[in-house]
Protein backbone atom coordinates (compact mmCIF):
# COMPACT_ATOMS: atom_id res chain seq x y z
CA MET A 1 132.84 79.14 134.96
CA SER A 2 131.43 82.50 135.78
CA ARG A 3 127.87 83.42 134.71
CA ARG A 4 127.17 86.66 132.74
CA PRO A 5 125.05 89.24 134.55
CA LEU A 6 121.48 89.37 133.85
CA GLY A 7 120.50 91.58 130.85
CA LYS A 8 123.74 90.65 128.99
CA LEU A 9 123.89 88.15 126.13
CA ARG A 10 126.96 86.82 124.26
CA ILE A 11 126.90 86.13 120.54
CA ILE A 12 128.40 82.62 120.18
CA GLY A 13 129.50 82.44 116.51
CA GLY A 14 130.23 84.33 113.29
CA GLN A 15 131.66 87.77 112.71
CA TRP A 16 130.49 88.99 116.21
CA ARG A 17 131.51 85.90 118.06
CA SER A 18 131.92 86.72 121.82
CA ARG A 19 130.53 90.19 121.60
CA ILE A 20 128.31 91.10 124.40
CA VAL A 21 125.06 93.05 124.03
CA ASP A 22 122.44 94.25 126.46
CA PHE A 23 118.89 93.08 126.37
CA VAL A 24 115.82 93.72 128.74
CA ASP A 25 115.19 90.79 130.99
CA GLY A 26 111.73 91.73 132.24
CA ASP A 27 108.46 90.07 131.29
CA GLY A 28 110.08 86.65 131.37
CA VAL A 29 112.43 87.35 128.50
CA ARG A 30 115.38 84.90 128.57
CA PRO A 31 117.80 84.35 125.68
CA THR A 32 117.88 80.92 124.10
CA PRO A 33 120.73 79.15 125.90
CA ASP A 34 124.11 79.16 124.13
CA ARG A 35 124.24 75.39 123.65
CA VAL A 36 120.69 75.52 122.05
CA ARG A 37 121.82 78.30 119.68
CA GLN A 38 125.06 76.36 118.84
CA THR A 39 122.93 73.31 117.83
CA LEU A 40 120.40 75.39 115.92
CA TYR A 41 123.16 77.16 113.92
CA ASP A 42 125.12 73.85 113.41
CA TRP A 43 121.82 72.51 111.80
CA LEU A 44 121.38 75.81 109.77
CA ALA A 45 124.99 76.09 108.62
CA PRO A 46 124.24 75.18 104.95
CA HIS A 47 121.07 77.45 104.98
CA ILE A 48 122.07 80.59 106.85
CA GLU A 49 124.45 82.46 104.43
CA GLY A 50 122.34 85.05 102.51
CA ALA A 51 119.06 83.95 104.15
CA GLU A 52 116.09 86.37 104.76
CA VAL A 53 115.16 85.84 108.33
CA LEU A 54 112.12 86.55 110.38
CA ASP A 55 112.69 86.55 114.39
CA LEU A 56 108.98 86.52 115.18
CA PHE A 57 108.98 86.54 119.03
CA ALA A 58 112.32 88.27 119.32
CA GLY A 59 112.58 88.88 122.99
CA SER A 60 116.14 89.51 123.66
CA GLY A 61 117.00 89.22 119.98
CA ALA A 62 119.56 86.39 120.52
CA LEU A 63 118.42 84.20 117.69
CA GLY A 64 118.32 86.94 115.07
CA LEU A 65 121.51 88.58 116.09
CA GLU A 66 123.19 85.14 115.83
CA ALA A 67 121.71 84.76 112.29
CA LEU A 68 123.07 88.14 111.38
CA SER A 69 126.52 87.36 112.74
CA ARG A 70 126.52 84.15 110.78
CA GLY A 71 125.94 85.74 107.43
CA ALA A 72 122.08 86.16 107.08
CA ALA A 73 121.33 88.75 104.41
CA PHE A 74 118.54 90.42 106.44
CA VAL A 75 116.69 89.79 109.62
CA SER A 76 113.36 91.31 110.59
CA PHE A 77 112.78 91.27 114.41
CA CYS A 78 109.18 91.33 115.70
CA GLU A 79 108.90 92.16 119.46
CA ARG A 80 105.81 93.59 121.12
CA GLY A 81 107.51 94.91 124.18
CA ALA A 82 108.75 98.61 123.69
CA GLU A 83 111.80 98.22 125.98
CA GLN A 84 112.83 94.91 124.40
CA ALA A 85 112.43 96.24 120.83
CA GLN A 86 114.48 99.39 121.77
CA ALA A 87 117.23 97.08 123.33
CA ILE A 88 117.39 95.17 120.04
CA ARG A 89 117.78 98.41 118.11
CA GLU A 90 120.61 99.46 120.39
CA ALA A 91 122.29 96.09 120.02
CA LEU A 92 122.10 96.40 116.13
CA LYS A 93 123.45 99.81 116.34
CA LYS A 94 126.31 98.67 118.66
CA LEU A 95 127.25 95.93 116.22
CA GLY A 96 126.90 98.21 113.07
CA ALA A 97 124.20 96.02 111.57
CA ALA A 98 122.31 97.91 108.86
CA ASN A 99 120.69 94.82 107.32
CA ALA A 100 117.92 94.47 109.92
CA GLN A 101 114.68 96.03 111.14
CA VAL A 102 112.87 95.97 114.38
CA ARG A 103 109.20 96.08 114.45
CA GLN A 104 107.37 96.56 117.69
CA ASP A 105 104.25 94.64 117.00
CA GLU A 106 102.19 91.57 117.99
CA ALA A 107 103.60 88.53 116.20
CA LEU A 108 100.29 87.20 115.06
CA ALA A 109 98.99 90.51 113.74
CA LEU A 110 102.23 90.93 111.91
CA LEU A 111 102.09 87.66 110.26
CA ALA A 112 98.45 88.15 109.11
CA ARG A 113 99.32 91.39 107.20
CA GLU A 114 102.97 90.64 106.16
CA THR A 115 103.69 90.22 102.54
CA LYS A 116 107.36 89.35 102.41
CA GLN A 117 108.55 85.78 102.32
CA TYR A 118 111.39 84.38 104.29
CA ASP A 119 113.96 81.56 104.01
CA LEU A 120 114.17 81.04 107.87
CA VAL A 121 111.66 81.89 110.60
CA LEU A 122 112.61 81.78 114.31
CA LEU A 123 109.65 80.94 116.49
CA ASP A 124 110.32 81.01 120.22
CA PRO A 125 107.08 82.23 121.68
CA PRO A 126 106.62 83.03 125.33
CA TYR A 127 106.93 79.85 127.37
CA ALA A 128 103.73 77.82 127.84
CA SER A 129 101.68 80.09 125.59
CA ASP A 130 99.32 78.84 122.81
CA LEU A 131 101.07 81.03 120.29
CA LEU A 132 103.19 78.36 118.52
CA PRO A 133 100.29 76.55 116.85
CA GLN A 134 98.60 79.91 115.81
CA ALA A 135 101.86 81.09 114.32
CA LEU A 136 102.38 77.91 112.46
CA ALA A 137 98.97 78.16 110.90
CA LEU A 138 99.63 81.64 109.64
CA LEU A 139 103.13 81.09 108.46
CA PRO A 140 102.94 79.03 105.20
CA PRO A 141 102.17 82.07 102.89
CA ARG A 142 105.25 83.84 104.34
CA LEU A 143 107.75 81.04 103.51
CA LYS A 144 110.02 80.64 100.48
CA ALA A 145 110.17 77.19 98.74
CA HIS A 146 113.37 75.94 100.60
CA ASN A 147 112.49 77.10 104.02
CA ARG A 148 113.42 76.21 107.60
CA VAL A 149 111.46 77.14 110.68
CA TYR A 150 112.95 76.94 114.23
CA LEU A 151 110.45 75.83 116.92
CA GLU A 152 110.70 75.85 120.86
CA TRP A 153 108.28 74.05 123.08
CA PRO A 154 107.78 72.83 126.65
CA ARG A 155 109.03 69.32 127.35
CA GLY A 156 106.03 66.80 126.84
CA LYS A 157 104.06 69.22 124.83
CA PRO A 158 105.19 68.75 121.30
CA PRO A 159 103.50 71.01 118.54
CA GLN A 160 100.81 69.16 116.42
CA LEU A 161 102.00 69.83 112.93
CA ALA A 162 99.46 70.17 110.11
CA ALA A 163 99.62 68.77 106.65
CA GLY A 164 102.62 70.20 104.75
CA TRP A 165 104.84 70.51 107.79
CA SER A 166 107.85 68.26 108.48
CA LEU A 167 109.95 68.07 111.63
CA LEU A 168 113.48 67.66 110.23
CA ARG A 169 115.43 67.61 113.56
CA GLU A 170 114.64 67.81 117.25
CA LYS A 171 116.35 67.86 120.58
CA GLN A 172 115.94 68.48 124.20
CA ALA A 173 117.82 70.79 126.64
CA GLY A 174 116.43 70.52 130.17
CA GLN A 175 112.75 71.31 130.18
CA VAL A 176 112.75 72.90 126.70
CA CYS A 177 112.49 70.99 123.43
CA PHE A 178 113.44 72.46 120.13
CA GLY A 179 113.64 71.56 116.46
CA LEU A 180 113.82 72.50 112.91
CA ALA A 181 110.90 72.21 110.63
CA SER A 182 110.18 72.89 106.99
CA TRP A 183 106.87 73.59 105.17
CA SER A 184 105.85 72.60 101.58
CA ALA A 185 102.46 72.65 100.02
CA PRO A 186 100.78 69.19 100.41
CA ALA A 187 100.43 67.50 97.12
CA THR A 188 97.01 67.29 95.63
CA ASP A 189 95.56 64.19 94.24
CA PRO A 190 95.61 64.59 90.40
CA VAL A 191 92.31 62.82 90.17
CA LEU A 192 90.57 64.88 92.82
CA GLY A 193 92.42 67.90 91.78
């Protein structure tokens, strides 16, 4: 099996299946591997059609592009790197995707001032950073009632999920663990209110 050249990514399912787009592979940006994306979108199959999606640490844009290809209504990409954000814009243009926006911004800053709510949030922060727990803490007000949140974390360092979070599925691929979570407001004790 031949490997794709660096800076190329293949969409693995949906209307753009097998299409190749470019991404900027600097600053440690690596697309989520094909087999992980396949598992994720198998899990999301009943939820992706018509979903409003936030790809928060977009990097190559692989996860958000896959969501669009599989029928998401809209994807908002957040990427702090200027070159990476521009590459995502160019990929969207190449694919003819008008139902997306790319915001060059810091993920946590965007979450803190965002007002829109999403059905699906894709959280794949830079490897071995402390951004995952910070993003999870800011995320609940940005989630619709029947939400799904994709998480990636280094092997042996699972995220500590606060009250209200449920880890629905999880799997490991090499040194990376990934899962699908959901958030709902913790029930309050009727006596204590």
